[in-house]
Amino acid sequence: MEATRFDEIEINQRKFKNTDYLVNDLAGFMAGKTGYSDLAGGNLAIVLDKGYGHPIIIVVLGSNFEGRFRDAKNLYEAVIARKIDL
């Protein structure tokens, strides 16, 4: 999961670009996984550590390619704004 925290990483002289641009946009970002197919649409799962004593996991399914990031950020902001006791 360490590699998912970087927007770009080089391993064995190969560069890998992270397609999850929220990696540097959400405080406490630990890991993320993007996915897209014509059938499933845009999907995104992210794990965050906000100091609640347990991780926050946000999963977006069936969005569109760019919308999955917007949807995940909206969910993140809703959780933080309400300080939901999870």
N, C-alpha and C. Protein backbone atom coordinates (compact mmCIF):
# COMPACT_ATOMS: atom_id res chain seq x y z
N MET A 1 0.81 -1.19 0.00
CA MET A 1 0.00 0.00 0.00
C MET A 1 0.86 1.26 0.00
N GLU A 2 2.10 1.14 0.35
CA GLU A 2 2.97 2.32 0.38
C GLU A 2 2.98 3.04 -0.96
N ALA A 3 3.01 2.31 -2.05
CA ALA A 3 3.10 2.93 -3.38
C ALA A 3 1.86 3.74 -3.72
N THR A 4 0.73 3.43 -3.13
CA THR A 4 -0.50 4.15 -3.47
C THR A 4 -0.55 5.54 -2.85
N ARG A 5 0.40 5.87 -1.99
CA ARG A 5 0.41 7.20 -1.36
C ARG A 5 1.14 8.25 -2.19
N PHE A 6 1.72 7.87 -3.28
CA PHE A 6 2.49 8.79 -4.10
C PHE A 6 1.78 9.06 -5.41
N ASP A 7 1.94 10.28 -5.93
CA ASP A 7 1.34 10.56 -7.24
C ASP A 7 2.16 9.93 -8.36
N GLU A 8 3.45 9.68 -8.09
CA GLU A 8 4.30 8.99 -9.05
C GLU A 8 5.42 8.33 -8.27
N ILE A 9 5.79 7.11 -8.67
CA ILE A 9 6.85 6.38 -7.97
C ILE A 9 7.67 5.61 -9.00
N GLU A 10 8.95 5.46 -8.72
CA GLU A 10 9.83 4.68 -9.59
C GLU A 10 10.27 3.43 -8.85
N ILE A 11 10.05 2.28 -9.47
CA ILE A 11 10.44 1.00 -8.91
C ILE A 11 11.20 0.24 -9.98
N ASN A 12 12.42 -0.18 -9.67
CA ASN A 12 13.25 -0.92 -10.62
C ASN A 12 13.35 -0.20 -11.96
N GLN A 13 13.60 1.09 -11.91
CA GLN A 13 13.79 1.95 -13.08
C GLN A 13 12.54 2.08 -13.95
N ARG A 14 11.38 1.77 -13.40
CA ARG A 14 10.11 1.97 -14.10
C ARG A 14 9.28 2.97 -13.32
N LYS A 15 8.69 3.92 -14.03
CA LYS A 15 7.85 4.93 -13.39
C LYS A 15 6.38 4.52 -13.46
N PHE A 16 5.71 4.67 -12.34
CA PHE A 16 4.29 4.37 -12.25
C PHE A 16 3.57 5.64 -11.81
N LYS A 17 2.51 5.99 -12.54
CA LYS A 17 1.74 7.19 -12.22
C LYS A 17 0.44 6.78 -11.54
N ASN A 18 0.16 7.41 -10.42
CA ASN A 18 -1.07 7.14 -9.68
C ASN A 18 -2.22 7.86 -10.36
N THR A 19 -3.27 7.14 -10.73
CA THR A 19 -4.42 7.76 -11.39
C THR A 19 -5.41 8.34 -10.39
N ASP A 20 -5.18 8.15 -9.11
CA ASP A 20 -6.05 8.70 -8.08
C ASP A 20 -5.49 10.05 -7.65
N TYR A 21 -6.02 11.13 -8.22
CA TYR A 21 -5.45 12.43 -7.92
C TYR A 21 -5.83 12.92 -6.52
N LEU A 22 -6.66 12.21 -5.79
CA LEU A 22 -6.97 12.59 -4.42
C LEU A 22 -5.84 12.23 -3.46
N VAL A 23 -4.86 11.49 -3.93
CA VAL A 23 -3.76 11.04 -3.08
C VAL A 23 -3.10 12.21 -2.34
N ASN A 24 -3.01 13.37 -2.96
CA ASN A 24 -2.41 14.54 -2.32
C ASN A 24 -3.44 15.57 -1.90
N ASP A 25 -4.71 15.24 -2.05
CA ASP A 25 -5.78 16.22 -1.81
C ASP A 25 -6.55 15.97 -0.52
N LEU A 26 -6.48 14.77 0.02
CA LEU A 26 -7.23 14.44 1.22
C LEU A 26 -6.28 14.19 2.38
N ALA A 27 -6.47 14.93 3.47
CA ALA A 27 -5.63 14.74 4.66
C ALA A 27 -5.87 13.35 5.23
N GLY A 28 -4.80 12.68 5.58
CA GLY A 28 -4.90 11.35 6.17
C GLY A 28 -4.98 10.22 5.16
N PHE A 29 -4.78 10.52 3.88
CA PHE A 29 -4.85 9.50 2.84
C PHE A 29 -3.82 8.41 3.12
N MET A 30 -4.28 7.16 3.16
CA MET A 30 -3.38 6.03 3.39
C MET A 30 -3.21 5.18 2.14
N ALA A 31 -4.32 4.90 1.45
CA ALA A 31 -4.26 4.03 0.27
C ALA A 31 -5.51 4.24 -0.57
N GLY A 32 -5.40 3.85 -1.83
CA GLY A 32 -6.55 3.96 -2.72
C GLY A 32 -6.43 3.00 -3.89
N LYS A 33 -7.57 2.69 -4.47
CA LYS A 33 -7.60 1.83 -5.65
C LYS A 33 -8.67 2.34 -6.59
N THR A 34 -8.28 2.62 -7.81
CA THR A 34 -9.22 3.05 -8.83
C THR A 34 -9.56 1.88 -9.74
N GLY A 35 -10.68 1.99 -10.41
CA GLY A 35 -11.07 0.99 -11.39
C GLY A 35 -12.08 1.59 -12.35
N TYR A 36 -12.08 1.10 -13.57
CA TYR A 36 -13.05 1.57 -14.56
C TYR A 36 -13.26 0.49 -15.61
N SER A 37 -14.52 0.28 -15.94
CA SER A 37 -14.86 -0.57 -17.08
C SER A 37 -16.16 -0.04 -17.66
N ASP A 38 -16.43 -0.39 -18.91
CA ASP A 38 -17.67 0.07 -19.54
C ASP A 38 -18.89 -0.42 -18.76
N LEU A 39 -18.82 -1.63 -18.25
CA LEU A 39 -19.96 -2.20 -17.53
C LEU A 39 -20.11 -1.60 -16.12
N ALA A 40 -19.02 -1.52 -15.38
CA ALA A 40 -19.08 -1.08 -13.98
C ALA A 40 -19.00 0.44 -13.83
N GLY A 41 -18.46 1.12 -14.81
CA GLY A 41 -18.27 2.57 -14.69
C GLY A 41 -17.04 2.88 -13.86
N GLY A 42 -17.00 4.08 -13.31
CA GLY A 42 -15.86 4.52 -12.50
C GLY A 42 -16.03 4.12 -11.05
N ASN A 43 -15.01 3.49 -10.50
CA ASN A 43 -15.04 3.01 -9.12
C ASN A 43 -13.80 3.51 -8.39
N LEU A 44 -13.93 3.68 -7.10
CA LEU A 44 -12.82 4.17 -6.30
C LEU A 44 -13.01 3.73 -4.86
N ALA A 45 -11.95 3.21 -4.27
CA ALA A 45 -11.94 2.90 -2.84
C ALA A 45 -10.73 3.60 -2.23
N ILE A 46 -10.95 4.30 -1.12
CA ILE A 46 -9.84 4.96 -0.44
C ILE A 46 -9.91 4.67 1.05
N VAL A 47 -8.74 4.65 1.67
CA VAL A 47 -8.62 4.44 3.11
C VAL A 47 -7.92 5.67 3.69
N LEU A 48 -8.51 6.22 4.75
CA LEU A 48 -7.99 7.43 5.38
C LEU A 48 -7.79 7.20 6.87
N ASP A 49 -6.80 7.89 7.43
CA ASP A 49 -6.60 7.89 8.88
C ASP A 49 -6.80 9.32 9.36
N LYS A 50 -7.91 9.57 10.03
CA LYS A 50 -8.22 10.90 10.54
C LYS A 50 -8.04 10.98 12.05
N GLY A 51 -7.42 9.97 12.64
CA GLY A 51 -7.15 9.99 14.06
C GLY A 51 -8.35 9.60 14.93
N TYR A 52 -9.31 8.88 14.36
CA TYR A 52 -10.48 8.44 15.10
C TYR A 52 -10.24 7.10 15.81
N GLY A 53 -9.04 6.56 15.69
CA GLY A 53 -8.76 5.26 16.28
C GLY A 53 -9.04 4.10 15.36
N HIS A 54 -9.52 4.39 14.17
CA HIS A 54 -9.79 3.37 13.16
C HIS A 54 -9.81 4.06 11.80
N PRO A 55 -9.56 3.32 10.74
CA PRO A 55 -9.56 3.96 9.41
C PRO A 55 -10.97 4.32 8.95
N ILE A 56 -11.04 5.29 8.06
CA ILE A 56 -12.27 5.61 7.35
C ILE A 56 -12.11 5.04 5.95
N ILE A 57 -13.08 4.28 5.50
CA ILE A 57 -13.05 3.68 4.16
C ILE A 57 -14.21 4.25 3.36
N ILE A 58 -13.88 4.81 2.21
CA ILE A 58 -14.89 5.37 1.31
C ILE A 58 -14.84 4.59 0.01
N VAL A 59 -15.99 4.11 -0.44
CA VAL A 59 -16.08 3.35 -1.68
C VAL A 59 -17.14 3.97 -2.57
N VAL A 60 -16.76 4.26 -3.81
CA VAL A 60 -17.68 4.79 -4.81
C VAL A 60 -17.76 3.77 -5.94
N LEU A 61 -18.98 3.36 -6.27
CA LEU A 61 -19.19 2.38 -7.34
C LEU A 61 -20.16 2.96 -8.37
N GLY A 62 -19.94 2.63 -9.62
CA GLY A 62 -20.89 2.98 -10.68
C GLY A 62 -20.95 4.45 -11.03
N SER A 63 -19.90 5.19 -10.74
CA SER A 63 -19.85 6.60 -11.11
C SER A 63 -19.31 6.68 -12.54
N ASN A 64 -18.81 7.84 -12.93
CA ASN A 64 -18.14 7.92 -14.22
C ASN A 64 -16.65 8.12 -13.98
N PHE A 65 -15.88 8.24 -15.05
CA PHE A 65 -14.42 8.25 -14.94
C PHE A 65 -13.93 9.36 -14.01
N GLU A 66 -14.38 10.59 -14.20
CA GLU A 66 -13.95 11.70 -13.35
C GLU A 66 -14.84 11.85 -12.12
N GLY A 67 -16.11 11.48 -12.25
CA GLY A 67 -17.06 11.67 -11.17
C GLY A 67 -16.73 10.89 -9.91
N ARG A 68 -16.03 9.78 -10.04
CA ARG A 68 -15.69 8.97 -8.87
C ARG A 68 -14.85 9.75 -7.87
N PHE A 69 -13.96 10.63 -8.36
CA PHE A 69 -13.14 11.44 -7.47
C PHE A 69 -13.98 12.51 -6.78
N ARG A 70 -14.84 13.16 -7.52
CA ARG A 70 -15.74 14.18 -6.96
C ARG A 70 -16.65 13.54 -5.91
N ASP A 71 -17.22 12.38 -6.25
CA ASP A 71 -18.12 11.70 -5.33
C ASP A 71 -17.39 11.32 -4.03
N ALA A 72 -16.19 10.79 -4.15
CA ALA A 72 -15.42 10.40 -2.96
C ALA A 72 -15.07 11.61 -2.12
N LYS A 73 -14.70 12.71 -2.76
CA LYS A 73 -14.36 13.92 -2.01
C LYS A 73 -15.59 14.47 -1.29
N ASN A 74 -16.75 14.42 -1.94
CA ASN A 74 -17.99 14.86 -1.29
C ASN A 74 -18.31 14.01 -0.06
N LEU A 75 -18.13 12.70 -0.16
CA LEU A 75 -18.35 11.82 0.98
C LEU A 75 -17.36 12.12 2.11
N TYR A 76 -16.10 12.33 1.74
CA TYR A 76 -15.06 12.67 2.71
C TYR A 76 -15.43 13.94 3.46
N GLU A 77 -15.81 14.98 2.72
CA GLU A 77 -16.15 16.26 3.33
C GLU A 77 -17.38 16.14 4.23
N ALA A 78 -18.34 15.31 3.85
CA ALA A 78 -19.53 15.10 4.68
C ALA A 78 -19.17 14.44 6.01
N VAL A 79 -18.29 13.45 5.96
CA VAL A 79 -17.86 12.77 7.19
C VAL A 79 -17.11 13.74 8.09
N ILE A 80 -16.18 14.50 7.53
CA ILE A 80 -15.37 15.42 8.33
C ILE A 80 -16.23 16.55 8.89
N ALA A 81 -17.12 17.11 8.08
CA ALA A 81 -17.96 18.23 8.51
C ALA A 81 -18.89 17.83 9.66
N ARG A 82 -19.40 16.63 9.59
CA ARG A 82 -20.35 16.18 10.62
C ARG A 82 -19.65 15.53 11.80
N LYS A 83 -18.38 15.25 11.63
CA LYS A 83 -17.61 14.56 12.67
C LYS A 83 -18.39 13.35 13.17
N ILE A 84 -18.83 12.58 12.21
CA ILE A 84 -19.64 11.41 12.51
C ILE A 84 -18.86 10.46 13.43
N ASP A 85 -19.48 10.05 14.52
CA ASP A 85 -18.85 9.11 15.44
C ASP A 85 -18.98 7.71 14.86
N LEU A 86 -17.93 7.30 14.18
CA LEU A 86 -17.97 6.00 13.50
C LEU A 86 -17.50 4.93 14.45
